[in-house]
Amino acid sequence: GTPSDLKLKEDIEVIDNAVDKVKQLKGITYTLKSDGNRLTGLVAQDLEKVLPEAVYTEKDIETKDEHLAIRYGNTVGLLVEAIKEQQEQIEALTAKVKELEAK
């Protein structure tokens, strides 16, 4: 696992506007050029715009070319906050519908 104890952290901030950030991402399927494997994931360039902490530069050992890579575990916080924001919206709409039905 990844160390995640609160006592190991500082400068903690909740991810804001998580739903808007998630809406800027595309969940994709793709074929990896190097070995033909069919995979699923995100585009690093898209993720870098909304959650740069989850993207890093990696150098290919053989070609020495640099490319972006994703720390997928770092996307969990964004997804959790997006779900919470959506739940707040659902609860607000549900309350509004109940209010209208009561009239």
PDB file of N, CA and C in Angstrom:
ATOM      1  N   GLY A   1       0.814  -1.194   0.000  1.00  0.00           N
ATOM      2  CA  GLY A   1       0.000   0.000   0.000  1.00  0.00           C
ATOM      3  C   GLY A   1       0.849   1.246   0.000  1.00  0.00           C
ATOM      4  N   THR A   2       0.178   2.365   0.085  1.00  0.00           N
ATOM      5  CA  THR A   2       0.824   3.667   0.115  1.00  0.00           C
ATOM      6  C   THR A   2       0.637   4.277   1.495  1.00  0.00           C
ATOM      7  N   PRO A   3       1.703   4.814   2.112  1.00  0.00           N
ATOM      8  CA  PRO A   3       1.525   5.457   3.416  1.00  0.00           C
ATOM      9  C   PRO A   3       0.480   6.567   3.313  1.00  0.00           C
ATOM     10  N   SER A   4      -0.498   6.536   4.222  1.00  0.00           N
ATOM     11  CA  SER A   4      -1.581   7.513   4.121  1.00  0.00           C
ATOM     12  C   SER A   4      -2.038   8.035   5.478  1.00  0.00           C
ATOM     13  N   ASP A   5      -1.293   7.763   6.504  1.00  0.00           N
ATOM     14  CA  ASP A   5      -1.630   8.205   7.846  1.00  0.00           C
ATOM     15  C   ASP A   5      -1.648   9.731   7.907  1.00  0.00           C
ATOM     16  N   LEU A   6      -2.642  10.292   8.592  1.00  0.00           N
ATOM     17  CA  LEU A   6      -2.783  11.739   8.716  1.00  0.00           C
ATOM     18  C   LEU A   6      -1.525  12.378   9.294  1.00  0.00           C
ATOM     19  N   LYS A   7      -0.855  11.684  10.213  1.00  0.00           N
ATOM     20  CA  LYS A   7       0.328  12.283  10.836  1.00  0.00           C
ATOM     21  C   LYS A   7       1.503  12.420   9.866  1.00  0.00           C
ATOM     22  N   LEU A   8       1.403  11.829   8.699  1.00  0.00           N
ATOM     23  CA  LEU A   8       2.456  11.943   7.680  1.00  0.00           C
ATOM     24  C   LEU A   8       2.188  13.066   6.689  1.00  0.00           C
ATOM     25  N   LYS A   9       1.056  13.773   6.860  1.00  0.00           N
ATOM     26  CA  LYS A   9       0.620  14.754   5.855  1.00  0.00           C
ATOM     27  C   LYS A   9       0.569  16.163   6.414  1.00  0.00           C
ATOM     28  N   GLU A  10       0.740  17.140   5.526  1.00  0.00           N
ATOM     29  CA  GLU A  10       0.564  18.550   5.873  1.00  0.00           C
ATOM     30  C   GLU A  10       0.002  19.282   4.660  1.00  0.00           C
ATOM     31  N   ASP A  11      -0.411  20.500   4.856  1.00  0.00           N
ATOM     32  CA  ASP A  11      -0.994  21.304   3.775  1.00  0.00           C
ATOM     33  C   ASP A  11      -2.148  20.572   3.094  1.00  0.00           C
ATOM     34  N   ILE A  12      -3.024  19.977   3.879  1.00  0.00           N
ATOM     35  CA  ILE A  12      -4.139  19.180   3.363  1.00  0.00           C
ATOM     36  C   ILE A  12      -5.237  20.099   2.836  1.00  0.00           C
ATOM     37  N   GLU A  13      -5.685  19.829   1.627  1.00  0.00           N
ATOM     38  CA  GLU A  13      -6.785  20.574   1.014  1.00  0.00           C
ATOM     39  C   GLU A  13      -7.739  19.586   0.364  1.00  0.00           C
ATOM     40  N   VAL A  14      -9.034  19.800   0.540  1.00  0.00           N
ATOM     41  CA  VAL A  14     -10.037  18.984  -0.140  1.00  0.00           C
ATOM     42  C   VAL A  14     -10.085  19.420  -1.600  1.00  0.00           C
ATOM     43  N   ILE A  15     -10.187  18.471  -2.503  1.00  0.00           N
ATOM     44  CA  ILE A  15     -10.247  18.774  -3.939  1.00  0.00           C
ATOM     45  C   ILE A  15     -11.596  19.425  -4.227  1.00  0.00           C
ATOM     46  N   ASP A  16     -11.567  20.640  -4.750  1.00  0.00           N
ATOM     47  CA  ASP A  16     -12.811  21.343  -5.037  1.00  0.00           C
ATOM     48  C   ASP A  16     -13.195  21.187  -6.505  1.00  0.00           C
ATOM     49  N   ASN A  17     -14.452  21.422  -6.785  1.00  0.00           N
ATOM     50  CA  ASN A  17     -14.980  21.308  -8.153  1.00  0.00           C
ATOM     51  C   ASN A  17     -14.615  19.981  -8.806  1.00  0.00           C
ATOM     52  N   ALA A  18     -14.708  18.919  -8.026  1.00  0.00           N
ATOM     53  CA  ALA A  18     -14.278  17.600  -8.495  1.00  0.00           C
ATOM     54  C   ALA A  18     -15.106  17.116  -9.683  1.00  0.00           C
ATOM     55  N   VAL A  19     -16.411  17.334  -9.660  1.00  0.00           N
ATOM     56  CA  VAL A  19     -17.249  16.876 -10.773  1.00  0.00           C
ATOM     57  C   VAL A  19     -16.833  17.581 -12.061  1.00  0.00           C
ATOM     58  N   ASP A  20     -16.597  18.887 -11.982  1.00  0.00           N
ATOM     59  CA  ASP A  20     -16.162  19.631 -13.173  1.00  0.00           C
ATOM     60  C   ASP A  20     -14.837  19.083 -13.696  1.00  0.00           C
ATOM     61  N   LYS A  21     -13.949  18.724 -12.792  1.00  0.00           N
ATOM     62  CA  LYS A  21     -12.656  18.170 -13.202  1.00  0.00           C
ATOM     63  C   LYS A  21     -12.834  16.804 -13.861  1.00  0.00           C
ATOM     64  N   VAL A  22     -13.660  15.956 -13.259  1.00  0.00           N
ATOM     65  CA  VAL A  22     -13.899  14.633 -13.831  1.00  0.00           C
ATOM     66  C   VAL A  22     -14.531  14.754 -15.214  1.00  0.00           C
ATOM     67  N   LYS A  23     -15.418  15.748 -15.390  1.00  0.00           N
ATOM     68  CA  LYS A  23     -16.079  15.930 -16.687  1.00  0.00           C
ATOM     69  C   LYS A  23     -15.095  16.289 -17.794  1.00  0.00           C
ATOM     70  N   GLN A  24     -13.915  16.771 -17.435  1.00  0.00           N
ATOM     71  CA  GLN A  24     -12.902  17.115 -18.429  1.00  0.00           C
ATOM     72  C   GLN A  24     -12.070  15.907 -18.863  1.00  0.00           C
ATOM     73  N   LEU A  25     -12.273  14.779 -18.190  1.00  0.00           N
ATOM     74  CA  LEU A  25     -11.506  13.568 -18.500  1.00  0.00           C
ATOM     75  C   LEU A  25     -12.298  12.651 -19.413  1.00  0.00           C
ATOM     76  N   LYS A  26     -11.565  11.807 -20.133  1.00  0.00           N
ATOM     77  CA  LYS A  26     -12.191  10.796 -20.976  1.00  0.00           C
ATOM     78  C   LYS A  26     -11.702   9.434 -20.512  1.00  0.00           C
ATOM     79  N   GLY A  27     -12.623   8.557 -20.140  1.00  0.00           N
ATOM     80  CA  GLY A  27     -12.257   7.170 -19.904  1.00  0.00           C
ATOM     81  C   GLY A  27     -12.134   6.507 -21.266  1.00  0.00           C
ATOM     82  N   ILE A  28     -10.989   5.904 -21.533  1.00  0.00           N
ATOM     83  CA  ILE A  28     -10.744   5.364 -22.873  1.00  0.00           C
ATOM     84  C   ILE A  28     -10.306   3.906 -22.838  1.00  0.00           C
ATOM     85  N   THR A  29     -10.484   3.244 -23.968  1.00  0.00           N
ATOM     86  CA  THR A  29      -9.828   1.971 -24.223  1.00  0.00           C
ATOM     87  C   THR A  29      -8.833   2.230 -25.336  1.00  0.00           C
ATOM     88  N   TYR A  30      -7.725   1.504 -25.317  1.00  0.00           N
ATOM     89  CA  TYR A  30      -6.679   1.746 -26.310  1.00  0.00           C
ATOM     90  C   TYR A  30      -5.774   0.523 -26.443  1.00  0.00           C
ATOM     91  N   THR A  31      -5.024   0.494 -27.532  1.00  0.00           N
ATOM     92  CA  THR A  31      -4.033  -0.545 -27.758  1.00  0.00           C
ATOM     93  C   THR A  31      -2.653   0.061 -27.535  1.00  0.00           C
ATOM     94  N   LEU A  32      -1.876  -0.553 -26.686  1.00  0.00           N
ATOM     95  CA  LEU A  32      -0.527  -0.081 -26.404  1.00  0.00           C
ATOM     96  C   LEU A  32       0.387  -0.412 -27.582  1.00  0.00           C
ATOM     97  N   LYS A  33       1.021   0.608 -28.146  1.00  0.00           N
ATOM     98  CA  LYS A  33       1.853   0.419 -29.334  1.00  0.00           C
ATOM     99  C   LYS A  33       2.996  -0.566 -29.112  1.00  0.00           C
ATOM    100  N   SER A  34       3.567  -0.571 -27.910  1.00  0.00           N
ATOM    101  CA  SER A  34       4.770  -1.367 -27.670  1.00  0.00           C
ATOM    102  C   SER A  34       4.535  -2.873 -27.700  1.00  0.00           C
ATOM    103  N   ASP A  35       3.356  -3.307 -27.237  1.00  0.00           N
ATOM    104  CA  ASP A  35       3.140  -4.770 -27.175  1.00  0.00           C
ATOM    105  C   ASP A  35       1.769  -5.230 -27.655  1.00  0.00           C
ATOM    106  N   GLY A  36       0.934  -4.285 -28.110  1.00  0.00           N
ATOM    107  CA  GLY A  36      -0.373  -4.653 -28.633  1.00  0.00           C
ATOM    108  C   GLY A  36      -1.425  -4.968 -27.589  1.00  0.00           C
ATOM    109  N   ASN A  37      -1.094  -4.805 -26.302  1.00  0.00           N
ATOM    110  CA  ASN A  37      -2.075  -5.065 -25.246  1.00  0.00           C
ATOM    111  C   ASN A  37      -3.223  -4.064 -25.322  1.00  0.00           C
ATOM    112  N   ARG A  38      -4.433  -4.543 -25.094  1.00  0.00           N
ATOM    113  CA  ARG A  38      -5.628  -3.699 -25.057  1.00  0.00           C
ATOM    114  C   ARG A  38      -5.853  -3.316 -23.602  1.00  0.00           C
ATOM    115  N   LEU A  39      -5.933  -2.017 -23.318  1.00  0.00           N
ATOM    116  CA  LEU A  39      -6.021  -1.509 -21.956  1.00  0.00           C
ATOM    117  C   LEU A  39      -7.139  -0.481 -21.825  1.00  0.00           C
ATOM    118  N   THR A  40      -7.395  -0.049 -20.608  1.00  0.00           N
ATOM    119  CA  THR A  40      -8.319   1.045 -20.338  1.00  0.00           C
ATOM    120  C   THR A  40      -7.600   2.073 -19.477  1.00  0.00           C
ATOM    121  N   GLY A  41      -8.055   3.308 -19.517  1.00  0.00           N
ATOM    122  CA  GLY A  41      -7.422   4.310 -18.674  1.00  0.00           C
ATOM    123  C   GLY A  41      -7.832   5.713 -19.030  1.00  0.00           C
ATOM    124  N   LEU A  42      -6.908   6.633 -18.802  1.00  0.00           N
ATOM    125  CA  LEU A  42      -7.099   8.057 -19.051  1.00  0.00           C
ATOM    126  C   LEU A  42      -5.960   8.550 -19.927  1.00  0.00           C
ATOM    127  N   VAL A  43      -6.109   9.747 -20.484  1.00  0.00           N
ATOM    128  CA  VAL A  43      -5.036  10.390 -21.227  1.00  0.00           C
ATOM    129  C   VAL A  43      -4.284  11.291 -20.246  1.00  0.00           C
ATOM    130  N   ALA A  44      -2.981  11.078 -20.131  1.00  0.00           N
ATOM    131  CA  ALA A  44      -2.184  11.819 -19.153  1.00  0.00           C
ATOM    132  C   ALA A  44      -2.267  13.329 -19.356  1.00  0.00           C
ATOM    133  N   GLN A  45      -2.280  13.771 -20.612  1.00  0.00           N
ATOM    134  CA  GLN A  45      -2.348  15.209 -20.895  1.00  0.00           C
ATOM    135  C   GLN A  45      -3.654  15.819 -20.376  1.00  0.00           C
ATOM    136  N   ASP A  46      -4.759  15.066 -20.450  1.00  0.00           N
ATOM    137  CA  ASP A  46      -6.043  15.556 -19.923  1.00  0.00           C
ATOM    138  C   ASP A  46      -5.999  15.625 -18.399  1.00  0.00           C
ATOM    139  N   LEU A  47      -5.495  14.571 -17.782  1.00  0.00           N
ATOM    140  CA  LEU A  47      -5.437  14.517 -16.323  1.00  0.00           C
ATOM    141  C   LEU A  47      -4.514  15.588 -15.763  1.00  0.00           C
ATOM    142  N   GLU A  48      -3.425  15.841 -16.451  1.00  0.00           N
ATOM    143  CA  GLU A  48      -2.460  16.839 -15.996  1.00  0.00           C
ATOM    144  C   GLU A  48      -3.103  18.216 -15.838  1.00  0.00           C
ATOM    145  N   LYS A  49      -4.096  18.525 -16.679  1.00  0.00           N
ATOM    146  CA  LYS A  49      -4.779  19.823 -16.616  1.00  0.00           C
ATOM    147  C   LYS A  49      -5.614  19.977 -15.350  1.00  0.00           C
ATOM    148  N   VAL A  50      -6.176  18.870 -14.843  1.00  0.00           N
ATOM    149  CA  VAL A  50      -7.083  18.974 -13.696  1.00  0.00           C
ATOM    150  C   VAL A  50      -6.491  18.432 -12.398  1.00  0.00           C
ATOM    151  N   LEU A  51      -5.507  17.541 -12.496  1.00  0.00           N
ATOM    152  CA  LEU A  51      -4.912  16.945 -11.304  1.00  0.00           C
ATOM    153  C   LEU A  51      -3.428  16.649 -11.578  1.00  0.00           C
ATOM    154  N   PRO A  52      -2.613  17.699 -11.675  1.00  0.00           N
ATOM    155  CA  PRO A  52      -1.212  17.513 -12.051  1.00  0.00           C
ATOM    156  C   PRO A  52      -0.422  16.617 -11.090  1.00  0.00           C
ATOM    157  N   GLU A  53      -0.884  16.510  -9.855  1.00  0.00           N
ATOM    158  CA  GLU A  53      -0.187  15.666  -8.873  1.00  0.00           C
ATOM    159  C   GLU A  53      -0.189  14.194  -9.261  1.00  0.00           C
ATOM    160  N   ALA A  54      -1.097  13.805 -10.140  1.00  0.00           N
ATOM    161  CA  ALA A  54      -1.223  12.393 -10.520  1.00  0.00           C
ATOM    162  C   ALA A  54      -0.427  12.051 -11.782  1.00  0.00           C
ATOM    163  N   VAL A  55       0.253  13.032 -12.356  1.00  0.00           N
ATOM    164  CA  VAL A  55       0.970  12.823 -13.616  1.00  0.00           C
ATOM    165  C   VAL A  55       2.461  13.089 -13.405  1.00  0.00           C
ATOM    166  N   TYR A  56       3.285  12.266 -14.017  1.00  0.00           N
ATOM    167  CA  TYR A  56       4.730  12.455 -13.931  1.00  0.00           C
ATOM    168  C   TYR A  56       5.376  12.113 -15.276  1.00  0.00           C
ATOM    169  N   THR A  57       6.613  12.544 -15.444  1.00  0.00           N
ATOM    170  CA  THR A  57       7.361  12.263 -16.667  1.00  0.00           C
ATOM    171  C   THR A  57       8.247  11.046 -16.441  1.00  0.00           C
ATOM    172  N   GLU A  58       8.245  10.177 -17.432  1.00  0.00           N
ATOM    173  CA  GLU A  58       9.022   8.940 -17.361  1.00  0.00           C
ATOM    174  C   GLU A  58       9.910   8.868 -18.602  1.00  0.00           C
ATOM    175  N   LYS A  59      11.091   8.294 -18.461  1.00  0.00           N
ATOM    176  CA  LYS A  59      12.009   8.161 -19.595  1.00  0.00           C
ATOM    177  C   LYS A  59      12.096   6.693 -19.990  1.00  0.00           C
ATOM    178  N   ASP A  60      11.896   6.410 -21.268  1.00  0.00           N
ATOM    179  CA  ASP A  60      12.021   5.051 -21.791  1.00  0.00           C
ATOM    180  C   ASP A  60      13.478   4.607 -21.676  1.00  0.00           C
ATOM    181  N   ILE A  61      13.705   3.436 -21.099  1.00  0.00           N
ATOM    182  CA  ILE A  61      15.061   2.942 -20.872  1.00  0.00           C
ATOM    183  C   ILE A  61      15.815   2.731 -22.184  1.00  0.00           C
ATOM    184  N   GLU A  62      15.128   2.210 -23.164  1.00  0.00           N
ATOM    185  CA  GLU A  62      15.789   1.899 -24.439  1.00  0.00           C
ATOM    186  C   GLU A  62      15.956   3.114 -25.346  1.00  0.00           C
ATOM    187  N   THR A  63      14.860   3.851 -25.565  1.00  0.00           N
ATOM    188  CA  THR A  63      14.899   4.955 -26.538  1.00  0.00           C
ATOM    189  C   THR A  63      15.305   6.289 -25.918  1.00  0.00           C
ATOM    190  N   LYS A  64      15.239   6.375 -24.606  1.00  0.00           N
ATOM    191  CA  LYS A  64      15.518   7.620 -23.864  1.00  0.00           C
ATOM    192  C   LYS A  64      14.454   8.690 -24.106  1.00  0.00           C
ATOM    193  N   ASP A  65      13.385   8.339 -24.827  1.00  0.00           N
ATOM    194  CA  ASP A  65      12.287   9.272 -25.041  1.00  0.00           C
ATOM    195  C   ASP A  65      11.531   9.486 -23.741  1.00  0.00           C
ATOM    196  N   GLU A  66      11.077  10.717 -23.523  1.00  0.00           N
ATOM    197  CA  GLU A  66      10.260  11.022 -22.354  1.00  0.00           C
ATOM    198  C   GLU A  66       8.788  10.992 -22.737  1.00  0.00           C
ATOM    199  N   HIS A  67       7.966  10.528 -21.794  1.00  0.00           N
ATOM    200  CA  HIS A  67       6.516  10.536 -21.992  1.00  0.00           C
ATOM    201  C   HIS A  67       5.850  10.696 -20.633  1.00  0.00           C
ATOM    202  N   LEU A  68       4.591  11.097 -20.658  1.00  0.00           N
ATOM    203  CA  LEU A  68       3.842  11.271 -19.423  1.00  0.00           C
ATOM    204  C   LEU A  68       3.284   9.930 -18.961  1.00  0.00           C
ATOM    205  N   ALA A  69       3.199   9.768 -17.658  1.00  0.00           N
ATOM    206  CA  ALA A  69       2.622   8.573 -17.046  1.00  0.00           C
ATOM    207  C   ALA A  69       1.692   9.016 -15.920  1.00  0.00           C
ATOM    208  N   ILE A  70       0.806   8.124 -15.512  1.00  0.00           N
ATOM    209  CA  ILE A  70      -0.203   8.436 -14.494  1.00  0.00           C
ATOM    210  C   ILE A  70      -0.010   7.564 -13.265  1.00  0.00           C
ATOM    211  N   ARG A  71      -0.108   8.191 -12.115  1.00  0.00           N
ATOM    212  CA  ARG A  71      -0.203   7.460 -10.849  1.00  0.00           C
ATOM    213  C   ARG A  71      -1.710   7.307 -10.578  1.00  0.00           C
ATOM    214  N   TYR A  72      -2.265   6.202 -11.060  1.00  0.00           N
ATOM    215  CA  TYR A  72      -3.717   6.026 -10.995  1.00  0.00           C
ATOM    216  C   TYR A  72      -4.260   6.065  -9.575  1.00  0.00           C
ATOM    217  N   GLY A  73      -3.498   5.611  -8.609  1.00  0.00           N
ATOM    218  CA  GLY A  73      -3.938   5.676  -7.215  1.00  0.00           C
ATOM    219  C   GLY A  73      -4.207   7.091  -6.750  1.00  0.00           C
ATOM    220  N   ASN A  74      -3.511   8.051  -7.347  1.00  0.00           N
ATOM    221  CA  ASN A  74      -3.704   9.453  -6.975  1.00  0.00           C
ATOM    222  C   ASN A  74      -4.998  10.040  -7.524  1.00  0.00           C
ATOM    223  N   THR A  75      -5.709   9.298  -8.350  1.00  0.00           N
ATOM    224  CA  THR A  75      -6.986   9.789  -8.868  1.00  0.00           C
ATOM    225  C   THR A  75      -8.148   9.450  -7.931  1.00  0.00           C
ATOM    226  N   VAL A  76      -7.913   8.608  -6.952  1.00  0.00           N
ATOM    227  CA  VAL A  76      -8.989   8.161  -6.057  1.00  0.00           C
ATOM    228  C   VAL A  76      -9.622   9.335  -5.309  1.00  0.00           C
ATOM    229  N   GLY A  77      -8.802  10.238  -4.784  1.00  0.00           N
ATOM    230  CA  GLY A  77      -9.336  11.387  -4.047  1.00  0.00           C
ATOM    231  C   GLY A  77     -10.260  12.231  -4.901  1.00  0.00           C
ATOM    232  N   LEU A  78      -9.868  12.451  -6.154  1.00  0.00           N
ATOM    233  CA  LEU A  78     -10.709  13.208  -7.080  1.00  0.00           C
ATOM    234  C   LEU A  78     -12.046  12.509  -7.282  1.00  0.00           C
ATOM    235  N   LEU A  79     -12.014  11.204  -7.493  1.00  0.00           N
ATOM    236  CA  LEU A  79     -13.248  10.455  -7.744  1.00  0.00           C
ATOM    237  C   LEU A  79     -14.153  10.424  -6.515  1.00  0.00           C
ATOM    238  N   VAL A  80     -13.558  10.297  -5.337  1.00  0.00           N
ATOM    239  CA  VAL A  80     -14.354  10.320  -4.098  1.00  0.00           C
ATOM    240  C   VAL A  80     -15.057  11.658  -3.940  1.00  0.00           C
ATOM    241  N   GLU A  81     -14.326  12.742  -4.140  1.00  0.00           N
ATOM    242  CA  GLU A  81     -14.937  14.070  -3.992  1.00  0.00           C
ATOM    243  C   GLU A  81     -16.002  14.311  -5.054  1.00  0.00           C
ATOM    244  N   ALA A  82     -15.802  13.803  -6.273  1.00  0.00           N
ATOM    245  CA  ALA A  82     -16.812  13.957  -7.324  1.00  0.00           C
ATOM    246  C   ALA A  82     -18.096  13.233  -6.940  1.00  0.00           C
ATOM    247  N   ILE A  83     -17.967  12.031  -6.399  1.00  0.00           N
ATOM    248  CA  ILE A  83     -19.149  11.277  -5.965  1.00  0.00           C
ATOM    249  C   ILE A  83     -19.871  12.033  -4.847  1.00  0.00           C
ATOM    250  N   LYS A  84     -19.127  12.590  -3.908  1.00  0.00           N
ATOM    251  CA  LYS A  84     -19.748  13.338  -2.812  1.00  0.00           C
ATOM    252  C   LYS A  84     -20.492  14.566  -3.340  1.00  0.00           C
ATOM    253  N   GLU A  85     -19.884  15.276  -4.298  1.00  0.00           N
ATOM    254  CA  GLU A  85     -20.559  16.435  -4.888  1.00  0.00           C
ATOM    255  C   GLU A  85     -21.842  16.021  -5.595  1.00  0.00           C
ATOM    256  N   GLN A  86     -21.779  14.916  -6.337  1.00  0.00           N
ATOM    257  CA  GLN A  86     -22.985  14.437  -7.022  1.00  0.00           C
ATOM    258  C   GLN A  86     -24.046  14.032  -6.014  1.00  0.00           C
ATOM    259  N   GLN A  87     -23.651  13.395  -4.919  1.00  0.00           N
ATOM    260  CA  GLN A  87     -24.619  12.985  -3.908  1.00  0.00           C
ATOM    261  C   GLN A  87     -25.315  14.200  -3.304  1.00  0.00           C
ATOM    262  N   GLU A  88     -24.571  15.273  -3.082  1.00  0.00           N
ATOM    263  CA  GLU A  88     -25.184  16.509  -2.574  1.00  0.00           C
ATOM    264  C   GLU A  88     -26.225  17.032  -3.558  1.00  0.00           C
ATOM    265  N   GLN A  89     -25.899  16.971  -4.863  1.00  0.00           N
ATOM    266  CA  GLN A  89     -26.841  17.420  -5.891  1.00  0.00           C
ATOM    267  C   GLN A  89     -28.086  16.526  -5.906  1.00  0.00           C
ATOM    268  N   ILE A  90     -27.899  15.230  -5.800  1.00  0.00           N
ATOM    269  CA  ILE A  90     -29.022  14.285  -5.787  1.00  0.00           C
ATOM    270  C   ILE A  90     -29.925  14.556  -4.594  1.00  0.00           C
ATOM    271  N   GLU A  91     -29.319  14.741  -3.428  1.00  0.00           N
ATOM    272  CA  GLU A  91     -30.110  14.989  -2.218  1.00  0.00           C
ATOM    273  C   GLU A  91     -30.872  16.305  -2.309  1.00  0.00           C
ATOM    274  N   ALA A  92     -30.252  17.328  -2.883  1.00  0.00           N
ATOM    275  CA  ALA A  92     -30.935  18.621  -3.045  1.00  0.00           C
ATOM    276  C   ALA A  92     -32.113  18.485  -3.996  1.00  0.00           C
ATOM    277  N   LEU A  93     -31.924  17.782  -5.104  1.00  0.00           N
ATOM    278  CA  LEU A  93     -33.021  17.577  -6.064  1.00  0.00           C
ATOM    279  C   LEU A  93     -34.134  16.717  -5.468  1.00  0.00           C
ATOM    280  N   THR A  94     -33.762  15.699  -4.711  1.00  0.00           N
ATOM    281  CA  THR A  94     -34.755  14.840  -4.070  1.00  0.00           C
ATOM    282  C   THR A  94     -35.596  15.640  -3.083  1.00  0.00           C
ATOM    283  N   ALA A  95     -34.935  16.504  -2.306  1.00  0.00           N
ATOM    284  CA  ALA A  95     -35.657  17.343  -1.352  1.00  0.00           C
ATOM    285  C   ALA A  95     -36.607  18.288  -2.083  1.00  0.00           C
ATOM    286  N   LYS A  96     -36.168  18.830  -3.214  1.00  0.00           N
ATOM    287  CA  LYS A  96     -37.005  19.739  -3.997  1.00  0.00           C
ATOM    288  C   LYS A  96     -38.233  19.018  -4.542  1.00  0.00           C
ATOM    289  N   VAL A  97     -38.035  17.798  -5.045  1.00  0.00           N
ATOM    290  CA  VAL A  97     -39.157  17.015  -5.565  1.00  0.00           C
ATOM    291  C   VAL A  97     -40.142  16.705  -4.454  1.00  0.00           C
ATOM    292  N   LYS A  98     -39.668  16.316  -3.291  1.00  0.00           N
ATOM    293  CA  LYS A  98     -40.552  16.029  -2.159  1.00  0.00           C
ATOM    294  C   LYS A  98     -41.328  17.262  -1.737  1.00  0.00           C
ATOM    295  N   GLU A  99     -40.644  18.406  -1.782  1.00  0.00           N
ATOM    296  CA  GLU A  99     -41.296  19.673  -1.445  1.00  0.00           C
ATOM    297  C   GLU A  99     -42.418  19.982  -2.435  1.00  0.00           C
ATOM    298  N   LEU A 100     -42.178  19.781  -3.711  1.00  0.00           N
ATOM    299  CA  LEU A 100     -43.180  20.029  -4.737  1.00  0.00           C
ATOM    300  C   LEU A 100     -44.341  19.047  -4.622  1.00  0.00           C
ATOM    301  N   GLU A 101     -44.043  17.797  -4.317  1.00  0.00           N
ATOM    302  CA  GLU A 101     -45.081  16.783  -4.163  1.00  0.00           C
ATOM    303  C   GLU A 101     -45.973  17.071  -2.971  1.00  0.00           C
ATOM    304  N   ALA A 102     -45.431  17.696  -1.941  1.00  0.00           N
ATOM    305  CA  ALA A 102     -46.186  18.002  -0.736  1.00  0.00           C
ATOM    306  C   ALA A 102     -47.159  19.168  -0.960  1.00  0.00           C
ATOM    307  N   LYS A 103     -46.950  19.933  -1.989  1.00  0.00           N
ATOM    308  CA  LYS A 103     -47.825  21.077  -2.257  1.00  0.00           C
ATOM    309  C   LYS A 103     -49.071  20.678  -2.961  1.00  0.00           C
TER     310      LYS A 103
END
